[in-house]
Amino acid sequence: RSFAVADEAHATLCYGTRGEGLAPHGFADICVGTLSKAVGAHGGFVTCSRDMKQYLLSTMRGLVFSTALPIPVIAAASTAVRIGTGEEGEELRRRLHANARSLRS
């Protein structure tokens, strides 16, 4: 069995109109990312359908880290996502891409 997996570790909050990354909704069966890059926290995430979640949990239970993140980390990540998906995030993405263009030229 094969699945399409998108690794959005470097795209989360940096690409997309609202920081949603590069993989459009439904593009991949599984989308993985990290909270340690643009989000500025630690931990990671997996997004997928309910059916895929059940499949992953039933076949890879030993690889699933089940300890909850500390509340301050969740608060920091939540705040970063709120900022990154709002108007301030749009401005931050514009500055990020302008700086990247400047460095490439």
C-alpha atoms as a PDB file:
ATOM      1  CA  ARG A   1       0.000   0.000   0.000  1.00  0.00           C
ATOM      2  CA  SER A   2       1.338   3.464  -0.811  1.00  0.00           C
ATOM      3  CA  PHE A   3       0.346   6.962   0.259  1.00  0.00           C
ATOM      4  CA  ALA A   4       1.230  10.489  -0.764  1.00  0.00           C
ATOM      5  CA  VAL A   5       2.942  12.310   2.120  1.00  0.00           C
ATOM      6  CA  ALA A   6       3.672  16.050   2.154  1.00  0.00           C
ATOM      7  CA  ASP A   7       6.389  17.276   4.512  1.00  0.00           C
ATOM      8  CA  GLU A   8       5.439  20.868   5.316  1.00  0.00           C
ATOM      9  CA  ALA A   9       8.128  21.422   7.976  1.00  0.00           C
ATOM     10  CA  HIS A  10       9.574  24.464   6.211  1.00  0.00           C
ATOM     11  CA  ALA A  11       6.336  25.699   4.661  1.00  0.00           C
ATOM     12  CA  THR A  12       4.040  26.021   7.672  1.00  0.00           C
ATOM     13  CA  LEU A  13       3.192  29.724   8.203  1.00  0.00           C
ATOM     14  CA  CYS A  14       5.720  30.674   5.461  1.00  0.00           C
ATOM     15  CA  TYR A  15       3.800  29.749   2.293  1.00  0.00           C
ATOM     16  CA  GLY A  16       0.171  29.883   1.253  1.00  0.00           C
ATOM     17  CA  THR A  17      -2.283  32.734   1.462  1.00  0.00           C
ATOM     18  CA  ARG A  18      -2.829  32.150   5.195  1.00  0.00           C
ATOM     19  CA  GLY A  19       0.340  30.237   5.998  1.00  0.00           C
ATOM     20  CA  GLU A  20      -1.226  26.855   5.356  1.00  0.00           C
ATOM     21  CA  GLY A  21       1.822  25.555   3.493  1.00  0.00           C
ATOM     22  CA  LEU A  22       2.380  24.412  -0.049  1.00  0.00           C
ATOM     23  CA  ALA A  23       0.265  21.265  -0.276  1.00  0.00           C
ATOM     24  CA  PRO A  24      -3.294  22.198  -1.197  1.00  0.00           C
ATOM     25  CA  HIS A  25      -6.072  20.617   0.861  1.00  0.00           C
ATOM     26  CA  GLY A  26      -6.529  17.029  -0.275  1.00  0.00           C
ATOM     27  CA  PHE A  27      -3.216  16.960  -2.182  1.00  0.00           C
ATOM     28  CA  ALA A  28      -1.663  14.321   0.063  1.00  0.00           C
ATOM     29  CA  ASP A  29      -3.009  11.474   2.147  1.00  0.00           C
ATOM     30  CA  ILE A  30      -0.791  12.584   5.039  1.00  0.00           C
ATOM     31  CA  CYS A  31       0.700  15.986   5.798  1.00  0.00           C
ATOM     32  CA  VAL A  32       3.408  16.272   8.457  1.00  0.00           C
ATOM     33  CA  GLY A  33       4.996  19.355   9.943  1.00  0.00           C
ATOM     34  CA  THR A  34       6.890  20.719  12.879  1.00  0.00           C
ATOM     35  CA  LEU A  35       6.185  23.370  15.452  1.00  0.00           C
ATOM     36  CA  SER A  36       9.903  24.115  15.833  1.00  0.00           C
ATOM     37  CA  LYS A  37      10.458  26.235  12.722  1.00  0.00           C
ATOM     38  CA  ALA A  38       8.192  29.237  11.994  1.00  0.00           C
ATOM     39  CA  VAL A  39       5.874  28.406  14.891  1.00  0.00           C
ATOM     40  CA  GLY A  40       8.730  28.752  17.386  1.00  0.00           C
ATOM     41  CA  ALA A  41       7.641  25.985  19.754  1.00  0.00           C
ATOM     42  CA  HIS A  42       8.459  22.287  19.840  1.00  0.00           C
ATOM     43  CA  GLY A  43       6.605  19.198  18.749  1.00  0.00           C
ATOM     44  CA  GLY A  44       5.079  18.243  15.458  1.00  0.00           C
ATOM     45  CA  PHE A  45       1.811  17.409  13.791  1.00  0.00           C
ATOM     46  CA  VAL A  46       0.196  15.069  11.324  1.00  0.00           C
ATOM     47  CA  THR A  47      -2.936  15.938   9.390  1.00  0.00           C
ATOM     48  CA  CYS A  48      -4.967  13.325   7.570  1.00  0.00           C
ATOM     49  CA  SER A  49      -8.455  11.932   7.192  1.00  0.00           C
ATOM     50  CA  ARG A  50     -10.183  10.075  10.029  1.00  0.00           C
ATOM     51  CA  ASP A  51      -9.742   6.805   8.145  1.00  0.00           C
ATOM     52  CA  MET A  52      -6.027   7.443   7.671  1.00  0.00           C
ATOM     53  CA  LYS A  53      -5.682   8.330  11.359  1.00  0.00           C
ATOM     54  CA  GLN A  54      -7.218   4.997  12.328  1.00  0.00           C
ATOM     55  CA  TYR A  55      -4.929   3.188   9.883  1.00  0.00           C
ATOM     56  CA  LEU A  56      -1.819   4.931  11.236  1.00  0.00           C
ATOM     57  CA  LEU A  57      -2.787   4.329  14.859  1.00  0.00           C
ATOM     58  CA  SER A  58      -3.517   0.655  14.260  1.00  0.00           C
ATOM     59  CA  THR A  59      -0.385  -0.086  12.210  1.00  0.00           C
ATOM     60  CA  MET A  60       2.221   2.211  13.776  1.00  0.00           C
ATOM     61  CA  ARG A  61       1.242   2.473  17.431  1.00  0.00           C
ATOM     62  CA  GLY A  62       4.871   2.037  18.552  1.00  0.00           C
ATOM     63  CA  LEU A  63       5.918   5.127  16.601  1.00  0.00           C
ATOM     64  CA  VAL A  64       3.189   7.401  17.928  1.00  0.00           C
ATOM     65  CA  PHE A  65       4.457   9.644  20.703  1.00  0.00           C
ATOM     66  CA  SER A  66       1.490   9.951  23.008  1.00  0.00           C
ATOM     67  CA  THR A  67       2.760  12.299  25.721  1.00  0.00           C
ATOM     68  CA  ALA A  68       0.922  15.602  25.703  1.00  0.00           C
ATOM     69  CA  LEU A  69       2.822  18.812  25.068  1.00  0.00           C
ATOM     70  CA  PRO A  70       3.247  21.169  28.030  1.00  0.00           C
ATOM     71  CA  ILE A  71       0.518  23.810  28.291  1.00  0.00           C
ATOM     72  CA  PRO A  72       2.945  26.755  27.710  1.00  0.00           C
ATOM     73  CA  VAL A  73       4.093  25.120  24.448  1.00  0.00           C
ATOM     74  CA  ILE A  74       0.496  24.694  23.321  1.00  0.00           C
ATOM     75  CA  ALA A  75      -0.240  28.335  24.208  1.00  0.00           C
ATOM     76  CA  ALA A  76       2.848  29.551  22.303  1.00  0.00           C
ATOM     77  CA  ALA A  77       2.024  27.446  19.246  1.00  0.00           C
ATOM     78  CA  SER A  78      -1.622  28.547  19.314  1.00  0.00           C
ATOM     79  CA  THR A  79      -0.613  32.217  19.505  1.00  0.00           C
ATOM     80  CA  ALA A  80       1.912  31.818  16.684  1.00  0.00           C
ATOM     81  CA  VAL A  81      -0.675  30.146  14.455  1.00  0.00           C
ATOM     82  CA  ARG A  82      -3.268  32.853  15.270  1.00  0.00           C
ATOM     83  CA  ILE A  83      -0.762  35.582  14.350  1.00  0.00           C
ATOM     84  CA  GLY A  84       0.597  33.700  11.352  1.00  0.00           C
ATOM     85  CA  THR A  85      -2.812  33.136   9.802  1.00  0.00           C
ATOM     86  CA  GLY A  86      -4.009  36.709  10.314  1.00  0.00           C
ATOM     87  CA  GLU A  87      -3.145  40.080   8.792  1.00  0.00           C
ATOM     88  CA  GLU A  88       0.147  40.319  10.697  1.00  0.00           C
ATOM     89  CA  GLY A  89       1.100  36.922   9.263  1.00  0.00           C
ATOM     90  CA  GLU A  90       0.484  38.197   5.738  1.00  0.00           C
ATOM     91  CA  GLU A  91       2.891  41.082   6.366  1.00  0.00           C
ATOM     92  CA  LEU A  92       5.466  38.774   7.934  1.00  0.00           C
ATOM     93  CA  ARG A  93       5.283  36.440   4.897  1.00  0.00           C
ATOM     94  CA  ARG A  94       5.709  39.417   2.526  1.00  0.00           C
ATOM     95  CA  ARG A  95       8.818  40.522   4.449  1.00  0.00           C
ATOM     96  CA  LEU A  96      10.174  36.965   4.559  1.00  0.00           C
ATOM     97  CA  HIS A  97       9.856  36.542   0.783  1.00  0.00           C
ATOM     98  CA  ALA A  98      11.272  40.037   0.102  1.00  0.00           C
ATOM     99  CA  ASN A  99      14.277  39.224   2.292  1.00  0.00           C
ATOM    100  CA  ALA A 100      14.743  35.899   0.521  1.00  0.00           C
ATOM    101  CA  ARG A 101      14.633  37.613  -2.899  1.00  0.00           C
ATOM    102  CA  SER A 102      17.168  40.166  -1.670  1.00  0.00           C
ATOM    103  CA  LEU A 103      19.534  37.441  -0.508  1.00  0.00           C
ATOM    104  CA  ARG A 104      19.252  35.589  -3.832  1.00  0.00           C
ATOM    105  CA  SER A 105      20.048  38.676  -5.921  1.00  0.00           C
END
